[in-house]
Amino acid sequence: MALQLFKIADVTVASPVSSIIFSSIPQGYTDLKLVASVRSNRASQEDGFGITLNSASSGYTYRVLSGNGTSVSSVNTAYEQIWAVRVNGNSTTTNTFSSVDVYFPNYTGSTGKSYSADAVSENNATEAYATLNALFQSSTSAITSLTVQTINSTTATGSTFTLYGIL
């Protein structure tokens, strides 16, 4: 049987915001998928993109693998939210947004939540990053809300976020 995506919600940022909240997530799907085109207003070439599950402020760990065509890096750490991926900041090429894809399998299960994120960002072909993350949140509660945000600044106008349920 082929998997099917069902749009739960979508948000287009009309003016800079500190966070976007997807609340009252329906529990009738097997998995969730968040797709985003995002840019930060941070006065830098990059910013982190964070996800908080059910407003939980602890219990997160992750492994980040990142590369830019010249070098690679890996980070393993705990954080108060998931620093999911690297996204374009305000000093990158104008109107260039990072692509982000986050997959939450078994989001209604009664065990800790493992999920993955991947993203790409670039700066006028002078610098590009691909990031792949393995993520974990220790809560055994079903995911009923997601809060997404750029970590060090506001999320830029024109950023889009779409949450899908998967059957």
Protein backbone atom coordinates (compact mmCIF):
# COMPACT_ATOMS: atom_id res chain seq x y z
CA MET A 1 0.00 0.00 0.00
CA ALA A 2 1.30 3.42 -0.94
CA LEU A 3 1.74 6.03 1.75
CA GLN A 4 -0.56 9.03 1.59
CA LEU A 5 0.09 12.56 2.82
CA PHE A 6 -2.75 14.61 4.28
CA LYS A 7 -2.23 18.32 4.90
CA ILE A 8 -2.99 19.11 8.55
CA ALA A 9 -1.94 22.76 8.56
CA ASP A 10 0.19 25.27 6.72
CA VAL A 11 1.59 28.66 7.69
CA THR A 12 3.14 31.41 5.60
CA VAL A 13 4.95 34.01 7.70
CA ALA A 14 3.46 37.43 6.87
CA SER A 15 5.75 39.39 9.21
CA PRO A 16 8.72 38.24 11.33
CA VAL A 17 7.71 35.91 14.17
CA SER A 18 9.53 34.34 17.10
CA SER A 19 7.80 30.95 16.69
CA ILE A 20 5.07 29.03 14.89
CA ILE A 21 2.89 26.62 16.86
CA PHE A 22 1.03 23.65 15.41
CA SER A 23 -1.41 22.69 18.18
CA SER A 24 -4.17 20.10 18.56
CA ILE A 25 -2.43 17.76 16.11
CA PRO A 26 -4.89 15.00 15.14
CA GLN A 27 -3.95 11.54 16.44
CA GLY A 28 -5.37 9.47 13.56
CA TYR A 29 -2.23 9.18 11.41
CA THR A 30 0.73 6.81 11.67
CA ASP A 31 3.46 9.44 11.15
CA LEU A 32 3.97 13.19 10.76
CA LYS A 33 6.04 15.15 8.25
CA LEU A 34 6.96 18.83 8.52
CA VAL A 35 8.16 20.57 5.35
CA ALA A 36 9.52 24.11 5.55
CA SER A 37 11.10 26.78 3.41
CA VAL A 38 12.68 28.98 6.04
CA ARG A 39 14.97 31.94 6.54
CA SER A 40 16.12 33.72 9.70
CA ASN A 41 16.45 37.46 10.31
CA ARG A 42 19.70 36.84 12.20
CA ALA A 43 22.46 39.20 10.99
CA SER A 44 24.65 36.26 10.04
CA GLN A 45 24.98 33.68 7.28
CA GLU A 46 23.20 31.03 9.33
CA ASP A 47 20.91 30.30 12.22
CA GLY A 48 19.65 27.16 13.88
CA PHE A 49 16.14 25.87 13.33
CA GLY A 50 14.53 24.51 16.49
CA ILE A 51 11.59 22.23 17.22
CA THR A 52 9.91 21.78 20.60
CA LEU A 53 7.51 18.87 21.13
CA ASN A 54 4.47 19.36 23.40
CA SER A 55 6.16 22.40 25.01
CA ALA A 56 8.75 20.08 26.64
CA SER A 57 11.83 22.00 27.76
CA SER A 58 14.11 19.00 28.34
CA GLY A 59 14.80 15.42 27.30
CA TYR A 60 16.22 16.17 23.84
CA THR A 61 19.34 14.64 22.31
CA TYR A 62 20.55 14.66 18.74
CA ARG A 63 23.35 13.78 16.33
CA VAL A 64 24.05 16.31 13.57
CA LEU A 65 25.95 15.44 10.41
CA SER A 66 26.77 18.46 8.26
CA GLY A 67 28.84 19.04 5.15
CA ASN A 68 29.56 21.89 2.75
CA GLY A 69 31.46 20.18 -0.07
CA THR A 70 34.81 20.98 1.56
CA SER A 71 34.48 19.72 5.10
CA VAL A 72 32.17 17.66 7.29
CA SER A 73 31.27 17.88 10.95
CA SER A 74 29.39 15.86 13.51
CA VAL A 75 27.91 16.99 16.81
CA ASN A 76 26.23 14.89 19.50
CA THR A 77 24.56 16.83 22.29
CA ALA A 78 21.56 17.51 24.49
CA TYR A 79 19.59 20.75 24.32
CA GLU A 80 16.43 22.34 25.68
CA GLN A 81 14.82 21.88 22.27
CA ILE A 82 15.88 20.15 19.09
CA TRP A 83 18.32 22.28 17.12
CA ALA A 84 17.18 20.49 14.01
CA VAL A 85 19.21 22.00 11.17
CA ARG A 86 21.11 25.02 9.89
CA VAL A 87 19.11 27.63 7.93
CA ASN A 88 19.97 30.77 5.98
CA GLY A 89 20.48 33.96 7.94
CA ASN A 90 19.93 37.55 6.85
CA SER A 91 23.41 38.06 5.38
CA THR A 92 22.99 35.31 2.76
CA THR A 93 21.70 35.94 -0.73
CA THR A 94 18.44 37.93 -0.65
CA ASN A 95 15.29 35.82 -0.89
CA THR A 96 17.18 32.53 -0.59
CA PHE A 97 15.41 30.15 1.79
CA SER A 98 16.59 26.87 3.27
CA SER A 99 14.63 23.69 2.59
CA VAL A 100 13.81 21.61 5.69
CA ASP A 101 12.13 18.20 5.98
CA VAL A 102 11.40 16.59 9.39
CA TYR A 103 9.89 13.10 9.76
CA PHE A 104 8.19 11.88 12.95
CA PRO A 105 7.42 8.13 12.83
CA ASN A 106 4.93 6.67 15.32
CA TYR A 107 4.16 10.09 16.82
CA THR A 108 1.22 8.69 18.84
CA GLY A 109 3.24 5.85 20.40
CA SER A 110 3.90 5.49 24.13
CA THR A 111 7.70 5.39 23.84
CA GLY A 112 10.29 8.15 23.39
CA LYS A 113 10.10 9.96 20.06
CA SER A 114 12.85 9.31 17.51
CA TYR A 115 12.74 11.47 14.41
CA SER A 116 14.95 12.73 11.59
CA ALA A 117 15.56 16.07 9.89
CA ASP A 118 17.39 17.03 6.75
CA ALA A 119 18.00 20.42 5.21
CA VAL A 120 19.94 22.31 2.59
CA SER A 121 20.98 25.95 2.63
CA GLU A 122 23.15 28.00 0.29
CA ASN A 123 24.62 31.45 -0.15
CA ASN A 124 24.86 32.58 -3.78
CA ALA A 125 26.74 29.40 -4.75
CA THR A 126 29.71 30.41 -2.57
CA GLU A 127 28.65 28.30 0.37
CA ALA A 128 26.16 25.47 0.66
CA TYR A 129 25.36 23.09 3.52
CA ALA A 130 23.56 19.80 3.69
CA THR A 131 22.53 18.68 7.17
CA LEU A 132 21.14 15.33 8.31
CA ASN A 133 20.09 14.78 11.92
CA ALA A 134 18.97 11.90 14.08
CA LEU A 135 16.86 13.25 16.95
CA PHE A 136 15.25 11.92 20.13
CA GLN A 137 12.88 13.30 22.75
CA SER A 138 12.44 11.13 25.84
CA SER A 139 8.77 11.87 26.58
CA THR A 140 6.41 8.92 26.17
CA SER A 141 3.42 11.18 25.43
CA ALA A 142 1.92 11.35 21.96
CA ILE A 143 2.92 14.45 19.99
CA THR A 144 -0.01 16.88 20.15
CA SER A 145 1.85 20.13 19.40
CA LEU A 146 4.99 21.31 17.63
CA THR A 147 6.64 24.69 18.09
CA VAL A 148 9.14 25.66 15.38
CA GLN A 149 11.47 28.63 15.38
CA THR A 150 14.79 30.00 14.32
CA ILE A 151 17.00 29.89 17.40
CA ASN A 152 18.83 33.25 17.48
CA SER A 153 16.39 35.63 15.79
CA THR A 154 12.93 35.87 14.28
CA THR A 155 11.74 33.77 11.36
CA ALA A 156 11.68 35.86 8.19
CA THR A 157 8.67 36.99 6.20
CA GLY A 158 7.89 34.54 3.38
CA SER A 159 8.97 31.42 5.29
CA THR A 160 6.48 28.58 4.88
CA PHE A 161 5.67 25.56 7.05
CA THR A 162 3.38 22.66 6.16
CA LEU A 163 2.52 19.81 8.53
CA TYR A 164 1.29 16.53 7.02
CA GLY A 165 -0.22 13.40 8.51
CA ILE A 166 0.85 10.12 6.89
CA LEU A 167 -1.25 6.98 6.48
